[in-house]
Amino acid sequence: MELPCTQFSRDHYVGRTLLVFALLWAAALQPAVGQSCRITDLGTLPGGAFSTAYGINSHGDVVGEATTASGASHAFLFDDGVMTDLGTLPGAPAANFSNAAGINDRGQVVGQAGTASGDTHAFLFDDGVMTDLGTLPLAAPFEPFSQARAINDRGQVVGNSNTGSGARSHAFLFDDGVMVDLGPFPGGIFEIARGINDRGQIVGGLTTASASHAALCTLTRKPR
């Protein structure tokens, strides 16, 4: 026959064990309910009063735009605790704007910048040089305009550009020095490309006669 005190001890042990498991379970769930993060102020370019970040790679390098001491807005790269002014396109005055939208793990940066003629063009910043990627072929009345939004680790760039085909904006892929129009497809226009992975899959937005939808572009052959 089991003594009452033995039964009490066993029940007490089981109760305490269940309580410990309950507390551990609650602690494990806590981060999901109230997740927190450490915020770091990246500052601005010297003398500037504004900055915002648009992209980051897997190494923690950050890109965006920030104002300079003169008030101009320039693309920046934040790396190892230092914010660097990426400047503007060659030939363009320092007062022209630029902003950086994306960066890959090779440190190549893409975005848009003002040209010497006052237009806005997509750019690629690589090895300390900002290169004008141009636009898709244009026709009146559309003004020259393009912007790069993302780049993968293969160096393929996507964004959107004005065109001369009746739709103001078409998605583009810039690969091997050539900007390719991805826009027209049966029933609509792939208007803007916002991201590309290392498999060459591209995402963005399309329009049809009656709707605007998210889009996935899977290249079936290398564009020409």
N, C-alpha and C. Protein backbone atom coordinates (compact mmCIF):
# COMPACT_ATOMS: atom_id res chain seq x y z
N MET A 1 0.85 -1.20 0.00
CA MET A 1 0.00 0.00 0.00
C MET A 1 0.88 1.25 0.00
N GLU A 2 0.58 2.19 -0.92
CA GLU A 2 1.38 3.40 -1.05
C GLU A 2 1.00 4.40 0.03
N LEU A 3 1.99 4.94 0.71
CA LEU A 3 1.73 5.91 1.77
C LEU A 3 1.26 7.21 1.17
N PRO A 4 0.39 7.97 1.91
CA PRO A 4 -0.12 9.24 1.41
C PRO A 4 0.99 10.23 1.09
N CYS A 5 2.05 10.26 1.91
CA CYS A 5 3.12 11.22 1.68
C CYS A 5 3.87 10.92 0.38
N THR A 6 4.00 9.61 0.04
CA THR A 6 4.66 9.23 -1.21
C THR A 6 3.85 9.70 -2.40
N GLN A 7 2.53 9.51 -2.33
CA GLN A 7 1.64 9.96 -3.40
C GLN A 7 1.73 11.47 -3.56
N PHE A 8 1.77 12.20 -2.42
CA PHE A 8 1.85 13.66 -2.47
C PHE A 8 3.14 14.11 -3.14
N SER A 9 4.27 13.44 -2.81
CA SER A 9 5.57 13.79 -3.38
C SER A 9 5.56 13.60 -4.89
N ARG A 10 5.00 12.46 -5.32
CA ARG A 10 4.97 12.18 -6.75
C ARG A 10 4.11 13.21 -7.48
N ASP A 11 2.93 13.52 -6.94
CA ASP A 11 2.04 14.51 -7.57
C ASP A 11 2.69 15.89 -7.60
N HIS A 12 3.41 16.22 -6.50
CA HIS A 12 4.08 17.52 -6.42
C HIS A 12 5.18 17.61 -7.48
N TYR A 13 5.92 16.52 -7.67
CA TYR A 13 7.00 16.49 -8.66
C TYR A 13 6.44 16.66 -10.07
N VAL A 14 5.35 15.92 -10.37
CA VAL A 14 4.72 16.00 -11.68
C VAL A 14 4.22 17.42 -11.93
N GLY A 15 3.61 18.03 -10.89
CA GLY A 15 3.08 19.39 -11.03
C GLY A 15 4.19 20.39 -11.32
N ARG A 16 5.30 20.25 -10.58
CA ARG A 16 6.42 21.17 -10.80
C ARG A 16 7.01 20.99 -12.20
N THR A 17 7.11 19.74 -12.66
CA THR A 17 7.65 19.46 -14.00
C THR A 17 6.78 20.10 -15.08
N LEU A 18 5.46 19.96 -14.93
CA LEU A 18 4.54 20.54 -15.91
C LEU A 18 4.64 22.06 -15.91
N LEU A 19 4.84 22.65 -14.72
CA LEU A 19 4.97 24.11 -14.62
C LEU A 19 6.23 24.58 -15.34
N VAL A 20 7.33 23.85 -15.16
CA VAL A 20 8.59 24.22 -15.82
C VAL A 20 8.43 24.15 -17.34
N PHE A 21 7.80 23.08 -17.82
CA PHE A 21 7.58 22.95 -19.27
C PHE A 21 6.70 24.07 -19.79
N ALA A 22 5.70 24.46 -19.03
CA ALA A 22 4.81 25.54 -19.44
C ALA A 22 5.55 26.87 -19.54
N LEU A 23 6.42 27.13 -18.55
CA LEU A 23 7.20 28.37 -18.58
C LEU A 23 8.17 28.39 -19.74
N LEU A 24 8.83 27.25 -20.03
CA LEU A 24 9.75 27.18 -21.15
C LEU A 24 9.01 27.37 -22.48
N TRP A 25 7.83 26.79 -22.59
CA TRP A 25 7.03 26.93 -23.79
C TRP A 25 6.62 28.39 -24.01
N ALA A 26 6.23 29.06 -22.93
CA ALA A 26 5.84 30.47 -23.02
C ALA A 26 7.03 31.33 -23.43
N ALA A 27 8.21 31.01 -22.90
CA ALA A 27 9.41 31.78 -23.24
C ALA A 27 9.78 31.58 -24.70
N ALA A 28 9.59 30.36 -25.21
CA ALA A 28 9.91 30.08 -26.61
C ALA A 28 8.99 30.84 -27.55
N LEU A 29 7.76 31.04 -27.15
CA LEU A 29 6.78 31.74 -27.98
C LEU A 29 6.94 33.25 -27.92
N GLN A 30 7.59 33.75 -26.88
CA GLN A 30 7.65 35.19 -26.65
C GLN A 30 8.22 35.99 -27.82
N PRO A 31 9.35 35.56 -28.44
CA PRO A 31 9.90 36.34 -29.55
C PRO A 31 8.94 36.49 -30.72
N ALA A 32 8.12 35.42 -30.96
CA ALA A 32 7.18 35.49 -32.06
C ALA A 32 6.09 36.52 -31.80
N VAL A 33 5.77 36.74 -30.52
CA VAL A 33 4.71 37.69 -30.17
C VAL A 33 5.24 39.11 -30.16
N GLY A 34 6.44 39.31 -29.64
CA GLY A 34 6.98 40.66 -29.50
C GLY A 34 8.42 40.76 -29.98
N GLN A 35 8.67 40.46 -31.26
CA GLN A 35 10.02 40.49 -31.80
C GLN A 35 10.59 41.91 -31.75
N SER A 36 11.85 42.04 -31.41
CA SER A 36 12.49 43.35 -31.36
C SER A 36 13.76 43.32 -32.20
N CYS A 37 14.30 44.49 -32.52
CA CYS A 37 15.54 44.57 -33.28
C CYS A 37 16.35 45.76 -32.82
N ARG A 38 17.63 45.74 -33.15
CA ARG A 38 18.50 46.85 -32.80
C ARG A 38 18.58 47.80 -33.99
N ILE A 39 18.18 49.03 -33.80
CA ILE A 39 18.16 50.02 -34.86
C ILE A 39 19.48 50.78 -34.90
N THR A 40 20.05 50.90 -36.10
CA THR A 40 21.30 51.65 -36.28
C THR A 40 21.04 52.86 -37.18
N ASP A 41 21.39 54.03 -36.70
CA ASP A 41 21.28 55.26 -37.48
C ASP A 41 22.51 55.34 -38.39
N LEU A 42 22.29 55.31 -39.71
CA LEU A 42 23.40 55.34 -40.65
C LEU A 42 23.89 56.75 -40.94
N GLY A 43 23.19 57.75 -40.43
CA GLY A 43 23.61 59.13 -40.62
C GLY A 43 23.34 59.64 -42.02
N THR A 44 24.12 60.63 -42.46
CA THR A 44 23.97 61.23 -43.78
C THR A 44 25.36 61.47 -44.38
N LEU A 45 25.38 61.94 -45.60
CA LEU A 45 26.64 62.39 -46.19
C LEU A 45 27.09 63.66 -45.47
N PRO A 46 28.36 63.99 -45.47
CA PRO A 46 28.85 65.16 -44.74
C PRO A 46 28.07 66.43 -45.09
N GLY A 47 27.53 67.07 -44.07
CA GLY A 47 26.79 68.31 -44.26
C GLY A 47 25.36 68.14 -44.66
N GLY A 48 24.93 66.91 -44.93
CA GLY A 48 23.56 66.65 -45.37
C GLY A 48 22.60 66.53 -44.20
N ALA A 49 21.29 66.60 -44.53
CA ALA A 49 20.28 66.55 -43.49
C ALA A 49 19.28 65.42 -43.69
N PHE A 50 19.43 64.65 -44.77
CA PHE A 50 18.44 63.60 -45.08
C PHE A 50 19.14 62.40 -45.70
N SER A 51 18.65 61.22 -45.36
CA SER A 51 19.10 60.01 -46.03
C SER A 51 18.02 58.94 -45.87
N THR A 52 17.99 58.02 -46.83
CA THR A 52 17.11 56.85 -46.73
C THR A 52 17.75 55.70 -47.47
N ALA A 53 17.53 54.47 -47.01
CA ALA A 53 18.15 53.29 -47.60
C ALA A 53 17.12 52.51 -48.40
N TYR A 54 17.57 51.94 -49.53
CA TYR A 54 16.68 51.19 -50.41
C TYR A 54 17.08 49.74 -50.60
N GLY A 55 18.35 49.41 -50.39
CA GLY A 55 18.78 48.04 -50.66
C GLY A 55 19.93 47.60 -49.78
N ILE A 56 20.09 46.28 -49.67
CA ILE A 56 21.17 45.70 -48.87
C ILE A 56 21.54 44.34 -49.45
N ASN A 57 22.83 44.00 -49.43
CA ASN A 57 23.25 42.68 -49.89
C ASN A 57 23.51 41.76 -48.69
N SER A 58 23.93 40.53 -48.97
CA SER A 58 24.11 39.56 -47.88
C SER A 58 25.34 39.86 -47.03
N HIS A 59 26.20 40.79 -47.47
CA HIS A 59 27.36 41.19 -46.67
C HIS A 59 27.03 42.36 -45.73
N GLY A 60 25.82 42.89 -45.85
CA GLY A 60 25.42 44.02 -45.01
C GLY A 60 25.73 45.37 -45.60
N ASP A 61 26.17 45.42 -46.87
CA ASP A 61 26.41 46.70 -47.55
C ASP A 61 25.06 47.32 -47.91
N VAL A 62 24.89 48.59 -47.61
CA VAL A 62 23.60 49.27 -47.76
C VAL A 62 23.72 50.37 -48.82
N VAL A 63 22.66 50.53 -49.63
CA VAL A 63 22.64 51.61 -50.61
C VAL A 63 21.33 52.40 -50.48
N GLY A 64 21.38 53.65 -50.95
CA GLY A 64 20.20 54.50 -50.90
C GLY A 64 20.52 55.86 -51.45
N GLU A 65 19.91 56.89 -50.88
CA GLU A 65 20.20 58.27 -51.28
C GLU A 65 20.30 59.15 -50.04
N ALA A 66 21.11 60.20 -50.17
CA ALA A 66 21.31 61.13 -49.06
C ALA A 66 21.64 62.50 -49.62
N THR A 67 21.30 63.53 -48.87
CA THR A 67 21.63 64.87 -49.31
C THR A 67 23.08 65.22 -48.95
N THR A 68 23.65 66.07 -49.78
CA THR A 68 25.01 66.55 -49.56
C THR A 68 24.94 67.92 -48.86
N ALA A 69 26.09 68.49 -48.59
CA ALA A 69 26.14 69.80 -47.95
C ALA A 69 25.48 70.87 -48.81
N SER A 70 25.50 70.67 -50.15
CA SER A 70 24.90 71.66 -51.06
C SER A 70 23.39 71.46 -51.22
N GLY A 71 22.88 70.36 -50.64
CA GLY A 71 21.45 70.08 -50.76
C GLY A 71 21.11 69.12 -51.88
N ALA A 72 22.09 68.76 -52.72
CA ALA A 72 21.85 67.78 -53.78
C ALA A 72 21.64 66.39 -53.18
N SER A 73 20.83 65.58 -53.85
CA SER A 73 20.58 64.21 -53.40
C SER A 73 21.44 63.25 -54.21
N HIS A 74 22.31 62.49 -53.53
CA HIS A 74 23.22 61.58 -54.22
C HIS A 74 23.06 60.15 -53.71
N ALA A 75 23.33 59.21 -54.61
CA ALA A 75 23.38 57.80 -54.22
C ALA A 75 24.52 57.59 -53.24
N PHE A 76 24.30 56.67 -52.29
CA PHE A 76 25.38 56.36 -51.34
C PHE A 76 25.54 54.85 -51.19
N LEU A 77 26.73 54.49 -50.72
CA LEU A 77 27.05 53.13 -50.29
C LEU A 77 27.52 53.20 -48.85
N PHE A 78 26.90 52.42 -47.97
CA PHE A 78 27.30 52.36 -46.56
C PHE A 78 27.98 51.02 -46.34
N ASP A 79 29.27 51.08 -46.03
CA ASP A 79 30.07 49.86 -45.89
C ASP A 79 31.08 50.05 -44.78
N ASP A 80 31.18 49.07 -43.87
CA ASP A 80 32.14 49.12 -42.76
C ASP A 80 32.00 50.42 -41.95
N GLY A 81 30.78 50.85 -41.74
CA GLY A 81 30.53 52.01 -40.90
C GLY A 81 30.72 53.35 -41.57
N VAL A 82 30.99 53.36 -42.87
CA VAL A 82 31.25 54.61 -43.59
C VAL A 82 30.25 54.79 -44.73
N MET A 83 29.63 55.99 -44.83
CA MET A 83 28.74 56.31 -45.93
C MET A 83 29.53 57.05 -47.00
N THR A 84 29.54 56.46 -48.20
CA THR A 84 30.30 57.01 -49.32
C THR A 84 29.38 57.58 -50.39
N ASP A 85 29.68 58.79 -50.85
CA ASP A 85 28.93 59.44 -51.92
C ASP A 85 29.36 58.82 -53.25
N LEU A 86 28.39 58.25 -53.99
CA LEU A 86 28.70 57.63 -55.28
C LEU A 86 28.66 58.64 -56.42
N GLY A 87 28.28 59.88 -56.11
CA GLY A 87 28.34 60.93 -57.10
C GLY A 87 27.24 60.88 -58.14
N THR A 88 27.56 61.40 -59.34
CA THR A 88 26.60 61.46 -60.44
C THR A 88 27.23 60.89 -61.71
N LEU A 89 26.46 60.87 -62.78
CA LEU A 89 26.97 60.35 -64.04
C LEU A 89 28.10 61.24 -64.59
N PRO A 90 29.06 60.66 -65.28
CA PRO A 90 30.15 61.45 -65.86
C PRO A 90 29.60 62.57 -66.76
N GLY A 91 30.13 63.77 -66.59
CA GLY A 91 29.70 64.91 -67.38
C GLY A 91 28.55 65.67 -66.79
N ALA A 92 27.86 65.08 -65.83
CA ALA A 92 26.73 65.75 -65.19
C ALA A 92 27.25 66.62 -64.05
N PRO A 93 26.63 67.78 -63.80
CA PRO A 93 27.07 68.62 -62.70
C PRO A 93 26.82 67.95 -61.35
N ALA A 94 27.63 68.33 -60.36
CA ALA A 94 27.50 67.73 -59.03
C ALA A 94 26.15 68.01 -58.41
N ALA A 95 25.46 69.06 -58.92
CA ALA A 95 24.14 69.40 -58.38
C ALA A 95 23.06 68.43 -58.86
N ASN A 96 23.37 67.62 -59.88
CA ASN A 96 22.41 66.64 -60.36
C ASN A 96 22.15 65.58 -59.29
N PHE A 97 21.00 64.92 -59.41
CA PHE A 97 20.63 63.92 -58.41
C PHE A 97 21.05 62.53 -58.86
N SER A 98 21.16 61.64 -57.90
CA SER A 98 21.29 60.20 -58.16
C SER A 98 20.74 59.47 -56.94
N ASN A 99 20.23 58.28 -57.14
CA ASN A 99 19.87 57.43 -56.00
C ASN A 99 20.11 55.98 -56.35
N ALA A 100 20.47 55.20 -55.35
CA ALA A 100 20.80 53.79 -55.54
C ALA A 100 19.68 52.92 -55.00
N ALA A 101 19.25 51.96 -55.82
CA ALA A 101 18.10 51.12 -55.46
C ALA A 101 18.49 49.71 -55.07
N GLY A 102 19.63 49.20 -55.58
CA GLY A 102 19.98 47.82 -55.31
C GLY A 102 21.47 47.58 -55.36
N ILE A 103 21.90 46.50 -54.71
CA ILE A 103 23.32 46.11 -54.69
C ILE A 103 23.41 44.60 -54.62
N ASN A 104 24.33 44.03 -55.38
CA ASN A 104 24.52 42.58 -55.32
C ASN A 104 25.70 42.23 -54.42
N ASP A 105 25.99 40.93 -54.31
CA ASP A 105 27.05 40.50 -53.40
C ASP A 105 28.44 40.76 -53.97
N ARG A 106 28.53 41.20 -55.20
CA ARG A 106 29.82 41.61 -55.78
C ARG A 106 30.09 43.09 -55.55
N GLY A 107 29.12 43.78 -54.93
CA GLY A 107 29.28 45.20 -54.65
C GLY A 107 28.88 46.10 -55.80
N GLN A 108 28.28 45.56 -56.85
CA GLN A 108 27.78 46.36 -57.95
C GLN A 108 26.46 47.02 -57.55
N VAL A 109 26.33 48.31 -57.84
CA VAL A 109 25.18 49.10 -57.40
C VAL A 109 24.42 49.62 -58.61
N VAL A 110 23.09 49.62 -58.52
CA VAL A 110 22.26 50.16 -59.60
C VAL A 110 21.28 51.18 -59.05
N GLY A 111 20.83 52.06 -59.94
CA GLY A 111 19.86 53.07 -59.55
C GLY A 111 19.52 53.97 -60.72
N GLN A 112 19.30 55.24 -60.44
CA GLN A 112 19.00 56.22 -61.48
C GLN A 112 19.70 57.53 -61.14
N ALA A 113 19.98 58.31 -62.20
CA ALA A 113 20.71 59.56 -62.00
C ALA A 113 20.40 60.53 -63.13
N GLY A 114 20.57 61.81 -62.83
CA GLY A 114 20.38 62.84 -63.84
C GLY A 114 21.56 62.89 -64.79
N THR A 115 21.28 63.11 -66.06
CA THR A 115 22.33 63.20 -67.07
C THR A 115 22.72 64.67 -67.29
N ALA A 116 23.75 64.89 -68.08
CA ALA A 116 24.19 66.26 -68.38
C ALA A 116 23.12 67.03 -69.13
N SER A 117 22.27 66.32 -69.88
CA SER A 117 21.21 66.98 -70.66
C SER A 117 19.92 67.17 -69.86
N GLY A 118 19.92 66.70 -68.61
CA GLY A 118 18.75 66.89 -67.77
C GLY A 118 17.77 65.75 -67.75
N ASP A 119 18.07 64.66 -68.46
CA ASP A 119 17.20 63.47 -68.44
C ASP A 119 17.54 62.59 -67.23
N THR A 120 16.77 61.54 -67.03
CA THR A 120 17.04 60.58 -65.96
C THR A 120 17.30 59.22 -66.58
N HIS A 121 18.45 58.64 -66.25
CA HIS A 121 18.83 57.34 -66.82
C HIS A 121 19.22 56.35 -65.72
N ALA A 122 18.99 55.08 -66.01
CA ALA A 122 19.48 54.01 -65.14
C ALA A 122 21.00 54.01 -65.15
N PHE A 123 21.59 53.63 -64.00
CA PHE A 123 23.05 53.52 -63.95
C PHE A 123 23.49 52.23 -63.29
N LEU A 124 24.73 51.86 -63.59
CA LEU A 124 25.44 50.77 -62.91
C LEU A 124 26.73 51.35 -62.36
N PHE A 125 26.95 51.17 -61.05
CA PHE A 125 28.18 51.63 -60.39
C PHE A 125 29.02 50.41 -60.09
N ASP A 126 30.21 50.37 -60.69
CA ASP A 126 31.08 49.19 -60.53
C ASP A 126 32.54 49.64 -60.57
N ASP A 127 33.33 49.17 -59.61
CA ASP A 127 34.76 49.51 -59.55
C ASP A 127 34.99 51.02 -59.56
N GLY A 128 34.15 51.75 -58.84
CA GLY A 128 34.35 53.18 -58.70
C GLY A 128 33.85 54.03 -59.84
N VAL A 129 33.19 53.41 -60.83
CA VAL A 129 32.72 54.15 -62.01
C VAL A 129 31.21 54.00 -62.16
N MET A 130 30.51 55.14 -62.35
CA MET A 130 29.07 55.14 -62.60
C MET A 130 28.85 55.18 -64.12
N THR A 131 28.18 54.14 -64.64
CA THR A 131 27.96 54.01 -66.07
C THR A 131 26.49 54.22 -66.43
N ASP A 132 26.25 55.04 -67.43
CA ASP A 132 24.90 55.31 -67.95
C ASP A 132 24.44 54.11 -68.76
N LEU A 133 23.30 53.49 -68.38
CA LEU A 133 22.77 52.34 -69.10
C LEU A 133 21.84 52.74 -70.24
N GLY A 134 21.55 54.04 -70.38
CA GLY A 134 20.71 54.50 -71.47
C GLY A 134 19.23 54.19 -71.26
N THR A 135 18.49 54.15 -72.37
CA THR A 135 17.05 53.86 -72.33
C THR A 135 16.70 52.91 -73.47
N LEU A 136 15.47 52.41 -73.45
CA LEU A 136 14.95 51.69 -74.60
C LEU A 136 14.71 52.68 -75.74
N PRO A 137 14.63 52.21 -76.99
CA PRO A 137 14.36 53.13 -78.11
C PRO A 137 13.10 53.96 -77.85
N LEU A 138 13.20 55.26 -78.14
CA LEU A 138 12.13 56.20 -77.81
C LEU A 138 11.50 56.80 -79.05
N ALA A 139 10.29 57.30 -78.85
CA ALA A 139 9.60 58.07 -79.88
C ALA A 139 8.78 59.14 -79.18
N ALA A 140 8.56 60.25 -79.86
CA ALA A 140 7.76 61.33 -79.30
C ALA A 140 6.36 60.80 -78.95
N PRO A 141 5.73 61.31 -77.89
CA PRO A 141 6.15 62.47 -77.10
C PRO A 141 6.89 62.10 -75.81
N PHE A 142 7.35 60.88 -75.71
CA PHE A 142 7.93 60.42 -74.45
C PHE A 142 9.36 60.91 -74.28
N GLU A 143 9.66 61.44 -73.11
CA GLU A 143 11.00 61.95 -72.82
C GLU A 143 11.91 60.79 -72.41
N PRO A 144 13.21 60.92 -72.62
CA PRO A 144 14.14 59.87 -72.21
C PRO A 144 14.09 59.65 -70.70
N PHE A 145 13.81 58.42 -70.30
CA PHE A 145 13.76 58.10 -68.87
C PHE A 145 13.97 56.61 -68.69
N SER A 146 14.79 56.26 -67.72
CA SER A 146 14.93 54.86 -67.30
C SER A 146 15.39 54.83 -65.87
N GLN A 147 15.11 53.74 -65.18
CA GLN A 147 15.60 53.55 -63.81
C GLN A 147 15.88 52.07 -63.59
N ALA A 148 17.01 51.78 -62.96
CA ALA A 148 17.37 50.42 -62.59
C ALA A 148 16.94 50.17 -61.16
N ARG A 149 16.37 49.01 -60.93
CA ARG A 149 15.81 48.72 -59.60
C ARG A 149 16.47 47.55 -58.90
N ALA A 150 17.11 46.66 -59.61
CA ALA A 150 17.72 45.48 -58.97
C ALA A 150 18.82 44.90 -59.84
N ILE A 151 19.73 44.18 -59.21
CA ILE A 151 20.83 43.51 -59.91
C ILE A 151 21.12 42.20 -59.20
N ASN A 152 21.35 41.13 -59.98
CA ASN A 152 21.69 39.86 -59.36
C ASN A 152 23.21 39.67 -59.34
N ASP A 153 23.66 38.54 -58.82
CA ASP A 153 25.10 38.33 -58.68
C ASP A 153 25.78 37.99 -60.01
N ARG A 154 24.99 37.82 -61.06
CA ARG A 154 25.54 37.63 -62.41
C ARG A 154 25.73 38.97 -63.11
N GLY A 155 25.30 40.06 -62.45
CA GLY A 155 25.43 41.38 -63.04
C GLY A 155 24.29 41.77 -63.96
N GLN A 156 23.21 40.98 -63.99
CA GLN A 156 22.04 41.31 -64.79
C GLN A 156 21.20 42.35 -64.05
N VAL A 157 20.80 43.39 -64.78
CA VAL A 157 20.09 44.53 -64.19
C VAL A 157 18.68 44.59 -64.74
N VAL A 158 17.71 44.91 -63.87
CA VAL A 158 16.33 45.10 -64.33
C VAL A 158 15.79 46.43 -63.83
N GLY A 159 14.79 46.92 -64.54
CA GLY A 159 14.13 48.17 -64.17
C GLY A 159 13.04 48.48 -65.16
N ASN A 160 12.85 49.76 -65.45
CA ASN A 160 11.85 50.15 -66.44
C ASN A 160 12.34 51.38 -67.19
N SER A 161 11.82 51.52 -68.41
CA SER A 161 12.24 52.61 -69.29
C SER A 161 11.06 53.09 -70.12
N ASN A 162 11.05 54.38 -70.42
CA ASN A 162 10.10 54.89 -71.41
C ASN A 162 10.43 54.27 -72.77
N THR A 163 9.40 54.17 -73.61
CA THR A 163 9.57 53.56 -74.93
C THR A 163 8.86 54.42 -75.97
N GLY A 164 8.81 53.90 -77.19
CA GLY A 164 8.09 54.60 -78.24
C GLY A 164 6.99 53.75 -78.83
N SER A 165 6.47 52.81 -78.03
CA SER A 165 5.50 51.85 -78.59
C SER A 165 4.08 52.07 -78.09
N GLY A 166 3.78 53.24 -77.57
CA GLY A 166 2.41 53.52 -77.14
C GLY A 166 2.17 53.36 -75.66
N ALA A 167 3.01 52.57 -74.97
CA ALA A 167 2.92 52.45 -73.52
C ALA A 167 4.10 53.22 -72.93
N ARG A 168 3.85 54.00 -71.92
CA ARG A 168 4.89 54.89 -71.41
C ARG A 168 6.08 54.13 -70.83
N SER A 169 5.84 53.02 -70.16
CA SER A 169 6.92 52.32 -69.48
C SER A 169 6.91 50.83 -69.81
N HIS A 170 8.10 50.31 -70.08
CA HIS A 170 8.29 48.87 -70.27
C HIS A 170 9.38 48.38 -69.33
N ALA A 171 9.23 47.16 -68.85
CA ALA A 171 10.29 46.52 -68.08
C ALA A 171 11.48 46.23 -69.00
N PHE A 172 12.69 46.30 -68.42
CA PHE A 172 13.86 45.95 -69.22
C PHE A 172 14.79 45.03 -68.45
N LEU A 173 15.60 44.31 -69.22
CA LEU A 173 16.73 43.54 -68.70
C LEU A 173 17.98 44.07 -69.37
N PHE A 174 18.98 44.45 -68.56
CA PHE A 174 20.27 44.89 -69.10
C PHE A 174 21.27 43.78 -68.84
N ASP A 175 21.78 43.19 -69.94
CA ASP A 175 22.66 42.04 -69.82
C ASP A 175 23.71 42.09 -70.93
N ASP A 176 24.96 41.88 -70.59
CA ASP A 176 26.05 41.90 -71.57
C ASP A 176 26.07 43.19 -72.38
N GLY A 177 25.81 44.32 -71.72
CA GLY A 177 25.90 45.61 -72.38
C GLY A 177 24.72 46.01 -73.22
N VAL A 178 23.64 45.21 -73.20
CA VAL A 178 22.47 45.49 -74.03
C VAL A 178 21.21 45.60 -73.17
N MET A 179 20.40 46.65 -73.41
CA MET A 179 19.12 46.81 -72.73
C MET A 179 18.03 46.19 -73.60
N VAL A 180 17.34 45.18 -73.05
CA VAL A 180 16.33 44.42 -73.79
C VAL A 180 14.94 44.76 -73.27
N ASP A 181 14.02 45.02 -74.19
CA ASP A 181 12.63 45.34 -73.86
C ASP A 181 11.89 44.04 -73.51
N LEU A 182 11.40 43.93 -72.26
CA LEU A 182 10.64 42.76 -71.82
C LEU A 182 9.13 43.02 -71.84
N GLY A 183 8.74 44.23 -72.26
CA GLY A 183 7.37 44.69 -72.06
C GLY A 183 6.26 43.91 -72.74
N PRO A 184 6.21 43.88 -74.07
CA PRO A 184 5.03 43.31 -74.74
C PRO A 184 4.89 41.81 -74.53
N PHE A 185 3.68 41.35 -74.24
CA PHE A 185 3.35 39.94 -74.24
C PHE A 185 1.89 39.83 -74.65
N PRO A 186 1.43 38.68 -75.10
CA PRO A 186 0.04 38.57 -75.57
C PRO A 186 -0.97 39.00 -74.50
N GLY A 187 -1.69 40.07 -74.78
CA GLY A 187 -2.73 40.52 -73.86
C GLY A 187 -2.33 41.63 -72.92
N GLY A 188 -1.06 42.07 -72.95
CA GLY A 188 -0.70 43.12 -72.01
C GLY A 188 0.73 43.60 -72.15
N ILE A 189 1.16 44.35 -71.13
CA ILE A 189 2.50 44.93 -71.09
C ILE A 189 3.12 44.64 -69.73
N PHE A 190 4.34 44.09 -69.74
CA PHE A 190 5.14 43.95 -68.52
C PHE A 190 5.78 45.32 -68.31
N GLU A 191 5.18 46.13 -67.43
CA GLU A 191 5.53 47.54 -67.33
C GLU A 191 6.79 47.83 -66.53
N ILE A 192 6.98 47.09 -65.45
CA ILE A 192 8.08 47.44 -64.56
C ILE A 192 8.66 46.19 -63.91
N ALA A 193 9.99 46.10 -63.90
CA ALA A 193 10.68 44.99 -63.25
C ALA A 193 11.33 45.50 -61.97
N ARG A 194 11.10 44.82 -60.88
CA ARG A 194 11.57 45.28 -59.57
C ARG A 194 12.61 44.36 -58.93
N GLY A 195 12.74 43.15 -59.42
CA GLY A 195 13.70 42.23 -58.80
C GLY A 195 14.11 41.12 -59.75
N ILE A 196 15.32 40.59 -59.55
CA ILE A 196 15.82 39.47 -60.36
C ILE A 196 16.70 38.59 -59.49
N ASN A 197 16.51 37.27 -59.60
CA ASN A 197 17.35 36.36 -58.82
C ASN A 197 18.48 35.83 -59.69
N ASP A 198 19.32 34.97 -59.11
CA ASP A 198 20.50 34.49 -59.83
C ASP A 198 20.15 33.45 -60.89
N ARG A 199 18.90 33.01 -60.94
CA ARG A 199 18.43 32.12 -62.00
C ARG A 199 17.88 32.92 -63.18
N GLY A 200 17.85 34.25 -63.03
CA GLY A 200 17.33 35.09 -64.10
C GLY A 200 15.84 35.27 -64.08
N GLN A 201 15.17 34.85 -63.01
CA GLN A 201 13.73 35.07 -62.88
C GLN A 201 13.49 36.50 -62.42
N ILE A 202 12.53 37.16 -63.07
CA ILE A 202 12.31 38.59 -62.87
C ILE A 202 10.89 38.82 -62.38
N VAL A 203 10.73 39.70 -61.40
CA VAL A 203 9.39 40.02 -60.89
C VAL A 203 9.10 41.50 -61.03
N GLY A 204 7.82 41.82 -61.12
CA GLY A 204 7.41 43.21 -61.25
C GLY A 204 5.91 43.32 -61.42
N GLY A 205 5.49 44.23 -62.30
CA GLY A 205 4.07 44.47 -62.48
C GLY A 205 3.69 44.52 -63.95
N LEU A 206 2.50 43.99 -64.27
CA LEU A 206 2.00 44.01 -65.63
C LEU A 206 0.63 44.69 -65.66
N THR A 207 0.26 45.13 -66.86
CA THR A 207 -1.08 45.68 -67.06
C THR A 207 -1.71 45.03 -68.28
N THR A 208 -3.02 44.82 -68.18
CA THR A 208 -3.81 44.39 -69.32
C THR A 208 -4.84 45.47 -69.58
N ALA A 209 -5.78 45.20 -70.46
CA ALA A 209 -6.81 46.19 -70.77
C ALA A 209 -7.69 46.48 -69.57
N SER A 210 -7.74 45.56 -68.61
CA SER A 210 -8.69 45.73 -67.50
C SER A 210 -8.09 45.59 -66.11
N ALA A 211 -6.79 45.29 -65.99
CA ALA A 211 -6.25 45.03 -64.65
C ALA A 211 -4.76 45.31 -64.58
N SER A 212 -4.27 45.45 -63.35
CA SER A 212 -2.84 45.53 -63.05
C SER A 212 -2.50 44.42 -62.06
N HIS A 213 -1.55 43.57 -62.41
CA HIS A 213 -1.24 42.41 -61.60
C HIS A 213 0.26 42.28 -61.36
N ALA A 214 0.61 41.52 -60.32
CA ALA A 214 2.00 41.11 -60.11
C ALA A 214 2.41 40.19 -61.26
N ALA A 215 3.71 40.20 -61.58
CA ALA A 215 4.18 39.41 -62.72
C ALA A 215 5.49 38.70 -62.39
N LEU A 216 5.65 37.52 -62.94
CA LEU A 216 6.90 36.75 -62.89
C LEU A 216 7.33 36.48 -64.33
N CYS A 217 8.52 36.92 -64.68
CA CYS A 217 9.06 36.70 -66.02
C CYS A 217 10.16 35.65 -65.93
N THR A 218 9.95 34.52 -66.60
CA THR A 218 10.94 33.46 -66.65
C THR A 218 11.50 33.41 -68.07
N LEU A 219 12.79 33.72 -68.21
CA LEU A 219 13.39 33.77 -69.53
C LEU A 219 13.47 32.36 -70.12
N THR A 220 12.97 32.19 -71.31
CA THR A 220 13.00 30.89 -71.97
C THR A 220 14.21 30.75 -72.89
N ARG A 221 14.84 31.87 -73.20
CA ARG A 221 16.08 31.89 -73.99
C ARG A 221 16.82 33.16 -73.66
N LYS A 222 18.08 33.24 -73.99
CA LYS A 222 18.86 34.43 -73.74
C LYS A 222 18.36 35.55 -74.65
N PRO A 223 17.99 36.73 -74.06
CA PRO A 223 17.50 37.82 -74.89
C PRO A 223 18.56 38.34 -75.84
N ARG A 224 18.11 38.89 -76.97
CA ARG A 224 19.03 39.50 -77.95
C ARG A 224 18.71 41.00 -78.05
